[in-house]
Amino acid sequence: MRRAVGAVCVVVALVTTPAIAQEVKLLQKYNDWAAYMSEGSPKVCFAVSQPRDSSPKNVRRGPIYFYVSHYPSDKITGEISVKMGYPLAAGSKVTVTIGNDKFELFTKDEGAFLEKPEDEAKLIGALKAGSSMSVQGRSARGTNTTDTYSLSGTTDAIDRITKECSG
């Protein structure tokens, strides 16, 4: 869990902070997903997307991202994390739905994470096989949100980070 929480903070900082943005390299954009690699050490690769639609519309939120990350120095591949753009309700769960598959993620601050590595492989399989995904969460203020993502480009983006961060 500590790796996941720290990872989201690092990735968001690298992608969104202009002063250190040169430390992350866009490998390629694949439709609605993109593949990135850190240029520093330790090497980190991640596939990322933002939702095509979010509801309710009248809720102010920060940036929203869904990540699949590889940390080769720690032998971690396919770590799933979501940045919801708001503080999540304490003890709440985030639900990811792809077709008939549902995954429950635990929450910490603005992030949501899978607990078991075997669930990450199942979720990655669903990402590659699906066409859209919804992510539902509840803010610390009690607002329920739903984010809808396109999965177009997911397979190519994940395959690219796997190639770049293998070994």
C-alpha atoms as a PDB file:
ATOM      1  CA  MET A   1       0.000   0.000   0.000  1.00  0.00           C
ATOM      2  CA  ARG A   2       2.766   2.452   0.842  1.00  0.00           C
ATOM      3  CA  ARG A   3       4.278   1.933  -2.620  1.00  0.00           C
ATOM      4  CA  ALA A   4       0.921   2.606  -4.280  1.00  0.00           C
ATOM      5  CA  VAL A   5       0.150   5.749  -2.297  1.00  0.00           C
ATOM      6  CA  GLY A   6       3.619   7.133  -2.853  1.00  0.00           C
ATOM      7  CA  ALA A   7       3.534   6.171  -6.507  1.00  0.00           C
ATOM      8  CA  VAL A   8       0.400   8.151  -7.247  1.00  0.00           C
ATOM      9  CA  CYS A   9       1.889  11.212  -5.569  1.00  0.00           C
ATOM     10  CA  VAL A  10       5.140  10.891  -7.552  1.00  0.00           C
ATOM     11  CA  VAL A  11       3.431  10.225 -10.880  1.00  0.00           C
ATOM     12  CA  VAL A  12       0.970  13.091 -10.468  1.00  0.00           C
ATOM     13  CA  ALA A  13       3.775  15.426  -9.446  1.00  0.00           C
ATOM     14  CA  LEU A  14       5.911  14.379 -12.406  1.00  0.00           C
ATOM     15  CA  VAL A  15       3.111  14.764 -14.922  1.00  0.00           C
ATOM     16  CA  THR A  16       1.511  17.942 -13.599  1.00  0.00           C
ATOM     17  CA  THR A  17       4.417  20.010 -12.260  1.00  0.00           C
ATOM     18  CA  PRO A  18       6.157  21.994 -15.015  1.00  0.00           C
ATOM     19  CA  ALA A  19       9.363  22.441 -13.018  1.00  0.00           C
ATOM     20  CA  ILE A  20      10.033  18.702 -13.003  1.00  0.00           C
ATOM     21  CA  ALA A  21       8.020  17.605 -16.035  1.00  0.00           C
ATOM     22  CA  GLN A  22      11.243  16.941 -17.965  1.00  0.00           C
ATOM     23  CA  GLU A  23      11.776  13.915 -15.706  1.00  0.00           C
ATOM     24  CA  VAL A  24       8.892  12.080 -17.404  1.00  0.00           C
ATOM     25  CA  LYS A  25       8.958  11.234 -21.084  1.00  0.00           C
ATOM     26  CA  LEU A  26       5.857  10.625 -23.160  1.00  0.00           C
ATOM     27  CA  LEU A  27       6.587   7.409 -25.013  1.00  0.00           C
ATOM     28  CA  GLN A  28       3.463   7.526 -27.157  1.00  0.00           C
ATOM     29  CA  LYS A  29      -0.220   8.393 -27.098  1.00  0.00           C
ATOM     30  CA  TYR A  30      -2.557   5.537 -28.019  1.00  0.00           C
ATOM     31  CA  ASN A  31      -6.051   6.919 -28.625  1.00  0.00           C
ATOM     32  CA  ASP A  32      -7.399   7.669 -25.109  1.00  0.00           C
ATOM     33  CA  TRP A  33      -4.372   6.293 -23.217  1.00  0.00           C
ATOM     34  CA  ALA A  34      -0.730   7.356 -23.061  1.00  0.00           C
ATOM     35  CA  ALA A  35       2.483   5.569 -22.100  1.00  0.00           C
ATOM     36  CA  TYR A  36       5.137   7.391 -20.051  1.00  0.00           C
ATOM     37  CA  MET A  37       8.553   6.550 -18.617  1.00  0.00           C
ATOM     38  CA  SER A  38      10.580   8.347 -15.982  1.00  0.00           C
ATOM     39  CA  GLU A  39      13.964   9.512 -17.163  1.00  0.00           C
ATOM     40  CA  GLY A  40      15.512   9.385 -13.709  1.00  0.00           C
ATOM     41  CA  SER A  41      16.298   6.605 -11.323  1.00  0.00           C
ATOM     42  CA  PRO A  42      14.609   4.424 -10.307  1.00  0.00           C
ATOM     43  CA  LYS A  43      12.896   3.760 -13.617  1.00  0.00           C
ATOM     44  CA  VAL A  44       9.083   3.892 -13.561  1.00  0.00           C
ATOM     45  CA  CYS A  45       6.735   3.313 -16.506  1.00  0.00           C
ATOM     46  CA  PHE A  46       3.019   3.998 -16.508  1.00  0.00           C
ATOM     47  CA  ALA A  47      -0.010   3.952 -18.778  1.00  0.00           C
ATOM     48  CA  VAL A  48      -2.520   6.655 -17.925  1.00  0.00           C
ATOM     49  CA  SER A  49      -5.901   7.948 -18.995  1.00  0.00           C
ATOM     50  CA  GLN A  50      -8.397  10.583 -17.929  1.00  0.00           C
ATOM     51  CA  PRO A  51     -12.168  10.131 -17.986  1.00  0.00           C
ATOM     52  CA  ARG A  52     -14.197  11.142 -21.022  1.00  0.00           C
ATOM     53  CA  ASP A  53     -17.133  11.994 -18.772  1.00  0.00           C
ATOM     54  CA  SER A  54     -17.638  12.701 -15.067  1.00  0.00           C
ATOM     55  CA  SER A  55     -20.837  13.140 -13.087  1.00  0.00           C
ATOM     56  CA  PRO A  56     -22.225  15.008 -11.382  1.00  0.00           C
ATOM     57  CA  LYS A  57     -21.074  17.935 -13.522  1.00  0.00           C
ATOM     58  CA  ASN A  58     -21.371  20.615 -10.822  1.00  0.00           C
ATOM     59  CA  VAL A  59     -18.683  19.150  -8.525  1.00  0.00           C
ATOM     60  CA  ARG A  60     -15.309  20.890  -8.366  1.00  0.00           C
ATOM     61  CA  ARG A  61     -12.490  18.346  -8.594  1.00  0.00           C
ATOM     62  CA  GLY A  62      -8.790  18.251  -9.205  1.00  0.00           C
ATOM     63  CA  PRO A  63      -7.216  16.214 -12.006  1.00  0.00           C
ATOM     64  CA  ILE A  64      -8.582  12.661 -12.370  1.00  0.00           C
ATOM     65  CA  TYR A  65      -6.331   9.830 -13.588  1.00  0.00           C
ATOM     66  CA  PHE A  66      -6.370   6.028 -13.922  1.00  0.00           C
ATOM     67  CA  TYR A  67      -2.881   4.445 -13.867  1.00  0.00           C
ATOM     68  CA  VAL A  68      -1.246   1.118 -14.621  1.00  0.00           C
ATOM     69  CA  SER A  69       2.350   1.340 -13.349  1.00  0.00           C
ATOM     70  CA  HIS A  70       5.537  -0.748 -13.501  1.00  0.00           C
ATOM     71  CA  TYR A  71       8.400  -0.403 -10.980  1.00  0.00           C
ATOM     72  CA  PRO A  72      11.131  -2.732 -12.300  1.00  0.00           C
ATOM     73  CA  SER A  73      13.602  -2.023  -9.461  1.00  0.00           C
ATOM     74  CA  ASP A  74      10.973  -3.279  -6.988  1.00  0.00           C
ATOM     75  CA  LYS A  75       9.787  -6.085  -9.311  1.00  0.00           C
ATOM     76  CA  ILE A  76       6.274  -4.563  -9.373  1.00  0.00           C
ATOM     77  CA  THR A  77       4.321  -4.783 -12.620  1.00  0.00           C
ATOM     78  CA  GLY A  78       0.775  -3.782 -13.396  1.00  0.00           C
ATOM     79  CA  GLU A  79       0.036  -1.811 -10.243  1.00  0.00           C
ATOM     80  CA  ILE A  80      -3.412  -0.214 -10.530  1.00  0.00           C
ATOM     81  CA  SER A  81      -4.181   3.158  -8.989  1.00  0.00           C
ATOM     82  CA  VAL A  82      -6.788   5.870  -9.425  1.00  0.00           C
ATOM     83  CA  LYS A  83      -6.526   9.545  -8.526  1.00  0.00           C
ATOM     84  CA  MET A  84     -10.105  10.694  -7.950  1.00  0.00           C
ATOM     85  CA  GLY A  85      -9.540  14.466  -7.806  1.00  0.00           C
ATOM     86  CA  TYR A  86     -11.007  14.869  -4.318  1.00  0.00           C
ATOM     87  CA  PRO A  87     -10.463  13.480  -0.794  1.00  0.00           C
ATOM     88  CA  LEU A  88     -12.337  10.196  -0.505  1.00  0.00           C
ATOM     89  CA  ALA A  89     -14.603   9.327   2.417  1.00  0.00           C
ATOM     90  CA  ALA A  90     -12.666   7.514   5.156  1.00  0.00           C
ATOM     91  CA  GLY A  91     -13.124   3.761   4.874  1.00  0.00           C
ATOM     92  CA  SER A  92     -15.008   4.030   1.588  1.00  0.00           C
ATOM     93  CA  LYS A  93     -14.397   1.859  -1.459  1.00  0.00           C
ATOM     94  CA  VAL A  94     -14.066   2.805  -5.117  1.00  0.00           C
ATOM     95  CA  THR A  95     -15.742   0.487  -7.626  1.00  0.00           C
ATOM     96  CA  VAL A  96     -14.291  -0.094 -11.085  1.00  0.00           C
ATOM     97  CA  THR A  97     -16.704  -1.682 -13.562  1.00  0.00           C
ATOM     98  CA  ILE A  98     -15.725  -3.040 -16.975  1.00  0.00           C
ATOM     99  CA  GLY A  99     -18.516  -4.959 -18.701  1.00  0.00           C
ATOM    100  CA  ASN A 100     -19.716  -7.553 -16.169  1.00  0.00           C
ATOM    101  CA  ASP A 101     -16.483  -7.354 -14.123  1.00  0.00           C
ATOM    102  CA  LYS A 102     -16.450  -5.328 -10.891  1.00  0.00           C
ATOM    103  CA  PHE A 103     -13.405  -4.557  -8.779  1.00  0.00           C
ATOM    104  CA  GLU A 104     -13.407  -2.959  -5.326  1.00  0.00           C
ATOM    105  CA  LEU A 105     -10.484  -0.698  -4.442  1.00  0.00           C
ATOM    106  CA  PHE A 106      -9.513   0.581  -1.005  1.00  0.00           C
ATOM    107  CA  THR A 107      -9.032   4.315  -0.580  1.00  0.00           C
ATOM    108  CA  LYS A 108      -6.394   6.605   0.877  1.00  0.00           C
ATOM    109  CA  ASP A 109      -6.689  10.386   0.618  1.00  0.00           C
ATOM    110  CA  GLU A 110      -7.474  11.067  -3.110  1.00  0.00           C
ATOM    111  CA  GLY A 111      -6.316   7.634  -4.308  1.00  0.00           C
ATOM    112  CA  ALA A 112      -7.776   4.172  -4.725  1.00  0.00           C
ATOM    113  CA  PHE A 113      -5.789   0.926  -4.983  1.00  0.00           C
ATOM    114  CA  LEU A 114      -6.206  -2.831  -5.330  1.00  0.00           C
ATOM    115  CA  GLU A 115      -4.927  -4.833  -2.381  1.00  0.00           C
ATOM    116  CA  LYS A 116      -4.040  -8.121  -4.086  1.00  0.00           C
ATOM    117  CA  PRO A 117      -1.602  -8.472  -7.010  1.00  0.00           C
ATOM    118  CA  GLU A 118      -3.745 -11.259  -8.517  1.00  0.00           C
ATOM    119  CA  ASP A 119      -6.641  -8.783  -8.770  1.00  0.00           C
ATOM    120  CA  GLU A 120      -4.384  -6.397 -10.678  1.00  0.00           C
ATOM    121  CA  ALA A 121      -3.768  -9.030 -13.362  1.00  0.00           C
ATOM    122  CA  LYS A 122      -7.536  -9.658 -13.614  1.00  0.00           C
ATOM    123  CA  LEU A 123      -8.268  -5.937 -13.883  1.00  0.00           C
ATOM    124  CA  ILE A 124      -5.585  -5.489 -16.557  1.00  0.00           C
ATOM    125  CA  GLY A 125      -7.155  -8.353 -18.508  1.00  0.00           C
ATOM    126  CA  ALA A 126     -10.547  -6.642 -18.270  1.00  0.00           C
ATOM    127  CA  LEU A 127      -9.017  -3.303 -19.339  1.00  0.00           C
ATOM    128  CA  LYS A 128      -7.531  -4.919 -22.447  1.00  0.00           C
ATOM    129  CA  ALA A 129     -10.752  -6.776 -23.316  1.00  0.00           C
ATOM    130  CA  GLY A 130     -13.234  -3.976 -22.604  1.00  0.00           C
ATOM    131  CA  SER A 131     -14.319  -0.873 -24.465  1.00  0.00           C
ATOM    132  CA  SER A 132     -15.294   1.378 -21.549  1.00  0.00           C
ATOM    133  CA  MET A 133     -14.882   1.547 -17.784  1.00  0.00           C
ATOM    134  CA  SER A 134     -16.712   3.346 -15.010  1.00  0.00           C
ATOM    135  CA  VAL A 135     -15.137   4.338 -11.708  1.00  0.00           C
ATOM    136  CA  GLN A 136     -17.470   5.215  -8.825  1.00  0.00           C
ATOM    137  CA  GLY A 137     -16.399   6.827  -5.578  1.00  0.00           C
ATOM    138  CA  ARG A 138     -17.685   8.872  -2.643  1.00  0.00           C
ATOM    139  CA  SER A 139     -16.027  12.063  -1.470  1.00  0.00           C
ATOM    140  CA  ALA A 140     -15.307  12.973   2.129  1.00  0.00           C
ATOM    141  CA  ARG A 141     -18.277  15.371   1.798  1.00  0.00           C
ATOM    142  CA  GLY A 142     -20.561  12.479   0.812  1.00  0.00           C
ATOM    143  CA  THR A 143     -20.849  13.232  -2.915  1.00  0.00           C
ATOM    144  CA  ASN A 144     -21.083  10.136  -5.125  1.00  0.00           C
ATOM    145  CA  THR A 145     -19.231  10.448  -8.439  1.00  0.00           C
ATOM    146  CA  THR A 146     -18.971   8.356 -11.586  1.00  0.00           C
ATOM    147  CA  ASP A 147     -16.147   8.718 -14.094  1.00  0.00           C
ATOM    148  CA  THR A 148     -16.401   7.027 -17.490  1.00  0.00           C
ATOM    149  CA  TYR A 149     -13.225   6.108 -19.347  1.00  0.00           C
ATOM    150  CA  SER A 150     -12.673   4.931 -22.900  1.00  0.00           C
ATOM    151  CA  LEU A 151     -10.441   1.868 -23.053  1.00  0.00           C
ATOM    152  CA  SER A 152      -9.372   2.591 -26.634  1.00  0.00           C
ATOM    153  CA  GLY A 153      -5.575   2.326 -26.681  1.00  0.00           C
ATOM    154  CA  THR A 154      -5.251   0.510 -23.352  1.00  0.00           C
ATOM    155  CA  THR A 155      -3.639  -2.636 -24.735  1.00  0.00           C
ATOM    156  CA  ASP A 156      -1.048  -0.717 -26.767  1.00  0.00           C
ATOM    157  CA  ALA A 157      -0.184   1.607 -23.859  1.00  0.00           C
ATOM    158  CA  ILE A 158       0.213  -1.267 -21.378  1.00  0.00           C
ATOM    159  CA  ASP A 159       2.233  -3.313 -23.883  1.00  0.00           C
ATOM    160  CA  ARG A 160       4.531  -0.322 -24.456  1.00  0.00           C
ATOM    161  CA  ILE A 161       5.265   0.241 -20.767  1.00  0.00           C
ATOM    162  CA  THR A 162       5.853  -3.482 -20.347  1.00  0.00           C
ATOM    163  CA  LYS A 163       8.416  -3.359 -23.175  1.00  0.00           C
ATOM    164  CA  GLU A 164      10.125  -0.233 -21.803  1.00  0.00           C
ATOM    165  CA  CYS A 165      10.230  -1.408 -18.182  1.00  0.00           C
ATOM    166  CA  SER A 166      10.976  -5.109 -18.592  1.00  0.00           C
ATOM    167  CA  GLY A 167      13.993  -6.388 -16.737  1.00  0.00           C
END
